[in-house]
C-alpha atoms as a PDB file:
ATOM      1  CA  UNK A   1       0.426  -0.102   0.125  1.00  0.00           C
ATOM      2  CA  UNK A   2       0.827   3.887  -1.616  1.00  0.00           C
ATOM      3  CA  UNK A   3       2.322   5.390   2.771  1.00  0.00           C
ATOM      4  CA  UNK A   4       0.207   8.617   2.850  1.00  0.00           C
ATOM      5  CA  UNK A   5       1.732  11.865   4.409  1.00  0.00           C
ATOM      6  CA  UNK A   6      -0.372  15.102   6.092  1.00  0.00           C
ATOM      7  CA  UNK A   7       1.475  18.110   6.940  1.00  0.00           C
ATOM      8  CA  UNK A   8       0.703  21.641   8.255  1.00  0.00           C
ATOM      9  CA  UNK A   9      -3.237  20.146   9.773  1.00  0.00           C
ATOM     10  CA  UNK A  10      -5.393  21.522  11.666  1.00  0.00           C
ATOM     11  CA  UNK A  11      -8.977  19.722  13.589  1.00  0.00           C
ATOM     12  CA  UNK A  12     -10.629  20.400   9.469  1.00  0.00           C
ATOM     13  CA  UNK A  13      -8.375  19.726   7.348  1.00  0.00           C
ATOM     14  CA  UNK A  14      -4.554  19.079   5.975  1.00  0.00           C
ATOM     15  CA  UNK A  15      -2.901  21.851   4.057  1.00  0.00           C
ATOM     16  CA  UNK A  16      -0.759  19.358   2.385  1.00  0.00           C
ATOM     17  CA  UNK A  17      -1.327  16.304   1.726  1.00  0.00           C
ATOM     18  CA  UNK A  18       1.373  13.448  -0.272  1.00  0.00           C
ATOM     19  CA  UNK A  19       0.588   9.531  -1.884  1.00  0.00           C
ATOM     20  CA  UNK A  20       2.683   8.219  -3.774  1.00  0.00           C
ATOM     21  CA  UNK A  21       4.799  11.494  -5.782  1.00  0.00           C
ATOM     22  CA  UNK A  22       2.102  13.195  -5.899  1.00  0.00           C
ATOM     23  CA  UNK A  23       0.763  16.190  -3.894  1.00  0.00           C
ATOM     24  CA  UNK A  24      -2.058  17.537  -3.834  1.00  0.00           C
ATOM     25  CA  UNK A  25      -2.837  21.021  -1.569  1.00  0.00           C
ATOM     26  CA  UNK A  26      -5.825  22.967  -0.371  1.00  0.00           C
ATOM     27  CA  UNK A  27      -7.043  25.518  -1.180  1.00  0.00           C
ATOM     28  CA  UNK A  28      -5.647  28.383  -0.665  1.00  0.00           C
ATOM     29  CA  UNK A  29      -6.320  31.967  -0.011  1.00  0.00           C
ATOM     30  CA  UNK A  30      -4.328  35.685   0.042  1.00  0.00           C
ATOM     31  CA  UNK A  31      -3.730  36.431   3.918  1.00  0.00           C
ATOM     32  CA  UNK A  32      -3.365  40.163   3.407  1.00  0.00           C
ATOM     33  CA  UNK A  33      -6.103  42.432   2.109  1.00  0.00           C
ATOM     34  CA  UNK A  34      -5.535  44.240  -1.356  1.00  0.00           C
ATOM     35  CA  UNK A  35      -6.665  43.652  -5.080  1.00  0.00           C
ATOM     36  CA  UNK A  36      -7.589  40.177  -6.679  1.00  0.00           C
ATOM     37  CA  UNK A  37      -3.590  41.258  -7.974  1.00  0.00           C
ATOM     38  CA  UNK A  38      -1.983  41.537  -4.964  1.00  0.00           C
ATOM     39  CA  UNK A  39      -4.179  38.311  -3.939  1.00  0.00           C
ATOM     40  CA  UNK A  40      -3.264  35.906  -6.188  1.00  0.00           C
ATOM     41  CA  UNK A  41       0.642  37.458  -6.050  1.00  0.00           C
ATOM     42  CA  UNK A  42      -0.086  35.815  -1.894  1.00  0.00           C
ATOM     43  CA  UNK A  43      -1.660  33.395  -2.450  1.00  0.00           C
ATOM     44  CA  UNK A  44       1.086  31.898  -5.370  1.00  0.00           C
ATOM     45  CA  UNK A  45       3.863  33.305  -2.962  1.00  0.00           C
ATOM     46  CA  UNK A  46       2.365  30.719  -0.566  1.00  0.00           C
ATOM     47  CA  UNK A  47       1.559  27.937  -3.101  1.00  0.00           C
ATOM     48  CA  UNK A  48       5.520  27.983  -3.687  1.00  0.00           C
ATOM     49  CA  UNK A  49       6.474  27.496   0.307  1.00  0.00           C
ATOM     50  CA  UNK A  50       3.906  24.293   0.345  1.00  0.00           C
ATOM     51  CA  UNK A  51       5.200  22.995  -2.385  1.00  0.00           C
ATOM     52  CA  UNK A  52       8.847  23.360  -1.374  1.00  0.00           C
ATOM     53  CA  UNK A  53       7.725  21.758   1.659  1.00  0.00           C
ATOM     54  CA  UNK A  54       6.388  19.015   0.194  1.00  0.00           C
ATOM     55  CA  UNK A  55       9.529  18.343  -1.905  1.00  0.00           C
ATOM     56  CA  UNK A  56       7.740  19.897  -5.566  1.00  0.00           C
ATOM     57  CA  UNK A  57       7.705  22.818  -7.201  1.00  0.00           C
ATOM     58  CA  UNK A  58       5.572  24.838  -9.709  1.00  0.00           C
ATOM     59  CA  UNK A  59       7.583  23.414 -12.752  1.00  0.00           C
ATOM     60  CA  UNK A  60       6.065  20.196 -11.474  1.00  0.00           C
ATOM     61  CA  UNK A  61       2.094  21.337 -11.338  1.00  0.00           C
ATOM     62  CA  UNK A  62      -0.148  19.145 -12.676  1.00  0.00           C
ATOM     63  CA  UNK A  63      -4.025  20.401 -12.642  1.00  0.00           C
ATOM     64  CA  UNK A  64      -5.050  24.585 -10.632  1.00  0.00           C
ATOM     65  CA  UNK A  65      -8.550  25.651  -9.651  1.00  0.00           C
ATOM     66  CA  UNK A  66      -9.292  28.185  -9.360  1.00  0.00           C
ATOM     67  CA  UNK A  67     -12.273  30.452  -7.650  1.00  0.00           C
ATOM     68  CA  UNK A  68     -13.151  33.505  -8.138  1.00  0.00           C
ATOM     69  CA  UNK A  69     -14.893  35.906  -6.108  1.00  0.00           C
ATOM     70  CA  UNK A  70     -15.660  38.283  -8.750  1.00  0.00           C
ATOM     71  CA  UNK A  71     -14.503  35.785 -12.788  1.00  0.00           C
ATOM     72  CA  UNK A  72     -15.715  39.370 -14.704  1.00  0.00           C
ATOM     73  CA  UNK A  73     -14.000  41.845 -12.833  1.00  0.00           C
ATOM     74  CA  UNK A  74     -10.877  39.921 -11.898  1.00  0.00           C
ATOM     75  CA  UNK A  75     -10.792  37.568 -14.336  1.00  0.00           C
ATOM     76  CA  UNK A  76      -8.035  39.580 -16.227  1.00  0.00           C
ATOM     77  CA  UNK A  77      -5.808  41.038 -14.076  1.00  0.00           C
ATOM     78  CA  UNK A  78      -5.386  37.394 -11.763  1.00  0.00           C
ATOM     79  CA  UNK A  79      -4.144  36.009 -15.569  1.00  0.00           C
ATOM     80  CA  UNK A  80      -2.041  38.712 -15.846  1.00  0.00           C
ATOM     81  CA  UNK A  81      -0.472  37.638 -12.702  1.00  0.00           C
ATOM     82  CA  UNK A  82      -0.680  34.368 -13.351  1.00  0.00           C
ATOM     83  CA  UNK A  83       1.004  34.363 -16.955  1.00  0.00           C
ATOM     84  CA  UNK A  84       3.986  35.619 -15.235  1.00  0.00           C
ATOM     85  CA  UNK A  85       4.099  33.160 -12.640  1.00  0.00           C
ATOM     86  CA  UNK A  86       3.117  29.840 -14.592  1.00  0.00           C
ATOM     87  CA  UNK A  87       6.487  28.333 -16.143  1.00  0.00           C
ATOM     88  CA  UNK A  88       5.894  28.490 -20.220  1.00  0.00           C
ATOM     89  CA  UNK A  89       7.179  24.730 -20.275  1.00  0.00           C
ATOM     90  CA  UNK A  90       4.802  22.925 -17.861  1.00  0.00           C
ATOM     91  CA  UNK A  91       1.808  24.874 -17.967  1.00  0.00           C
ATOM     92  CA  UNK A  92      -1.124  22.442 -15.807  1.00  0.00           C
ATOM     93  CA  UNK A  93      -4.443  20.902 -16.537  1.00  0.00           C
ATOM     94  CA  UNK A  94      -6.892  24.194 -15.167  1.00  0.00           C
ATOM     95  CA  UNK A  95     -10.148  25.335 -14.770  1.00  0.00           C
ATOM     96  CA  UNK A  96     -11.003  28.854 -13.045  1.00  0.00           C
ATOM     97  CA  UNK A  97     -14.726  29.579 -11.647  1.00  0.00           C
ATOM     98  CA  UNK A  98     -16.942  31.299  -9.791  1.00  0.00           C
ATOM     99  CA  UNK A  99     -17.771  30.821  -6.212  1.00  0.00           C
ATOM    100  CA  UNK A 100     -18.816  32.818  -2.867  1.00  0.00           C
ATOM    101  CA  UNK A 101     -15.611  33.062  -0.713  1.00  0.00           C
ATOM    102  CA  UNK A 102     -16.276  32.183   3.230  1.00  0.00           C
ATOM    103  CA  UNK A 103     -15.135  35.931   3.501  1.00  0.00           C
ATOM    104  CA  UNK A 104     -16.144  39.186   2.522  1.00  0.00           C
ATOM    105  CA  UNK A 105     -12.036  40.430   1.867  1.00  0.00           C
ATOM    106  CA  UNK A 106     -11.162  37.349  -0.073  1.00  0.00           C
ATOM    107  CA  UNK A 107     -10.893  37.885  -3.842  1.00  0.00           C
ATOM    108  CA  UNK A 108      -8.989  33.789  -5.265  1.00  0.00           C
ATOM    109  CA  UNK A 109      -8.590  30.851  -4.453  1.00  0.00           C
ATOM    110  CA  UNK A 110      -6.760  28.064  -5.768  1.00  0.00           C
ATOM    111  CA  UNK A 111      -6.036  24.737  -5.148  1.00  0.00           C
ATOM    112  CA  UNK A 112      -2.929  22.622  -6.997  1.00  0.00           C
ATOM    113  CA  UNK A 113      -2.184  18.907  -7.009  1.00  0.00           C
ATOM    114  CA  UNK A 114       1.546  18.764  -8.700  1.00  0.00           C
ATOM    115  CA  UNK A 115       4.382  16.116  -8.736  1.00  0.00           C
ATOM    116  CA  UNK A 116       6.417  14.638  -5.921  1.00  0.00           C
ATOM    117  CA  UNK A 117      10.427  15.780  -7.173  1.00  0.00           C
ATOM    118  CA  UNK A 118      12.292  12.893  -9.426  1.00  0.00           C
ATOM    119  CA  UNK A 119      14.677  11.903  -6.142  1.00  0.00           C
END
C-alpha cells in the first residue's frame, strides 16, 4: 500500500497531502487585503512555499483550480499575475470558476496538485 503523508493539519483539514509521488495542496487564500493582483501574488507565493515543503515546485504542477469571487471583474487581472508566475514549458491543466467566498475580503482561492521532484 502507498504511504499517505499529511502535513500542516488543523481541526478541519491537512494543508498538504502526499500520496506516492503526488502532492495535493488544499485551497489557499490570501493572507493580505488588497486587489486581485496583490491577493493572487500572495496566494502563488504561499503555493511556492507549500510545494517546497512537500518536495516539489511549480514546474511539477499537474492541475490547478482557481476560484474567483467575481470572475467578470477579476479574471483578466488574475491571469496577468498567473502568466508571470507559471512556467511556460510546464503548464498544468486548469479550471477557473466563480464562487461565493467564505469571507467578503477574499477575492481568490487556488487549489493545486503536483508531482514530487525526482529523487
